[in-house]
Amino acid sequence: MGPIDQDMESQRRQLERVRRIVADQPIWYEEHLIHVTIMMGLAAYQGNFTAKEWIKVADERLYEGKTHGKNQVVMQETVADALRSAV
């Protein structure tokens, strides 16, 4: 795991905290208690990525998450995975 991958793990942990806060804070709306969950896709930015490629990788993580359930943070395993996904 290199420096970029370590930073990705740090970002994943931060997003995971946000996800838990949202999930743990139901919202009252017109006398109804609504439980909200979120799913986030995380992708490492590489200098040779176009914005479109970077968004594509994060979007693929979201779709991956949808197939494994909701209410989670999904990221590529390594920067190398992001490079493979972008092509």
Protein backbone atom coordinates (compact mmCIF):
# COMPACT_ATOMS: atom_id res chain seq x y z
CA MET A 1 0.00 0.00 0.00
CA GLY A 2 1.61 3.23 -1.13
CA PRO A 3 1.06 6.83 0.05
CA ILE A 4 -1.88 7.45 -2.30
CA ASP A 5 -3.57 4.22 -1.20
CA GLN A 6 -3.03 5.16 2.46
CA ASP A 7 -4.65 8.54 1.80
CA MET A 8 -7.57 6.74 0.13
CA GLU A 9 -8.05 4.65 3.25
CA SER A 10 -8.09 7.82 5.34
CA GLN A 11 -10.72 9.31 3.01
CA ARG A 12 -12.77 6.11 3.21
CA ARG A 13 -12.75 6.29 7.00
CA GLN A 14 -13.91 9.93 6.90
CA LEU A 15 -16.72 9.07 4.49
CA GLU A 16 -17.65 6.09 6.65
CA ARG A 17 -18.04 8.43 9.65
CA VAL A 18 -20.33 10.69 7.59
CA ARG A 19 -22.35 7.66 6.47
CA ARG A 20 -22.84 6.51 10.07
CA ILE A 21 -23.84 10.00 11.25
CA VAL A 22 -26.48 10.23 8.52
CA ALA A 23 -27.77 6.70 9.24
CA ASP A 24 -27.93 7.38 12.98
CA GLN A 25 -29.93 10.60 12.65
CA PRO A 26 -33.51 9.89 11.54
CA ILE A 27 -35.51 12.88 10.36
CA TRP A 28 -39.01 13.81 11.46
CA TYR A 29 -41.17 15.01 8.58
CA GLU A 30 -44.89 15.62 8.95
CA GLU A 31 -45.17 13.26 11.92
CA HIS A 32 -43.18 10.52 10.16
CA LEU A 33 -39.78 9.30 11.27
CA ILE A 34 -37.65 8.82 8.16
CA HIS A 35 -34.41 6.84 8.25
CA VAL A 36 -31.94 8.07 5.67
CA THR A 37 -28.95 6.12 4.34
CA ILE A 38 -26.31 7.05 1.80
CA MET A 39 -23.89 5.22 -0.43
CA MET A 40 -20.68 6.82 -1.70
CA GLY A 41 -18.14 5.76 -4.29
CA LEU A 42 -14.53 6.76 -3.75
CA ALA A 43 -11.92 6.84 -6.52
CA ALA A 44 -8.30 7.99 -6.46
CA TYR A 45 -7.53 10.82 -8.82
CA GLN A 46 -4.55 10.26 -11.05
CA GLY A 47 -2.95 13.15 -12.92
CA ASN A 48 -3.42 11.37 -16.23
CA PHE A 49 -7.18 10.88 -15.64
CA THR A 50 -9.62 13.15 -17.36
CA ALA A 51 -12.47 14.34 -15.16
CA LYS A 52 -14.74 11.98 -17.09
CA GLU A 53 -12.50 8.97 -16.34
CA TRP A 54 -12.28 9.87 -12.65
CA ILE A 55 -16.05 10.18 -12.32
CA LYS A 56 -16.46 6.91 -14.22
CA VAL A 57 -14.35 5.05 -11.64
CA ALA A 58 -16.31 6.53 -8.70
CA ASP A 59 -19.58 5.78 -10.49
CA GLU A 60 -18.51 2.15 -11.01
CA ARG A 61 -17.89 1.90 -7.26
CA LEU A 62 -21.45 3.13 -6.65
CA TYR A 63 -22.90 0.49 -8.97
CA GLU A 64 -20.72 -2.12 -7.29
CA GLY A 65 -22.15 -1.02 -3.96
CA LYS A 66 -25.71 -1.28 -5.23
CA THR A 67 -25.16 -4.94 -6.06
CA HIS A 68 -23.90 -5.62 -2.52
CA GLY A 69 -26.48 -3.62 -0.60
CA LYS A 70 -26.93 0.00 0.30
CA ASN A 71 -25.67 2.30 3.05
CA GLN A 72 -21.93 1.89 2.47
CA VAL A 73 -18.76 3.50 1.20
CA VAL A 74 -17.19 1.67 -1.74
CA MET A 75 -13.72 2.39 -3.11
CA GLN A 76 -11.29 0.75 -5.47
CA GLU A 77 -8.84 -1.48 -3.67
CA THR A 78 -5.72 0.23 -5.02
CA VAL A 79 -4.71 3.01 -7.36
CA ALA A 80 -3.87 0.31 -9.90
CA ASP A 81 -7.53 -0.76 -9.81
CA ALA A 82 -8.56 2.80 -10.63
CA LEU A 83 -6.22 2.85 -13.61
CA ARG A 84 -7.67 -0.44 -14.92
CA SER A 85 -11.25 0.82 -14.42
CA ALA A 86 -10.63 4.04 -16.30
CA VAL A 87 -9.83 2.31 -19.58
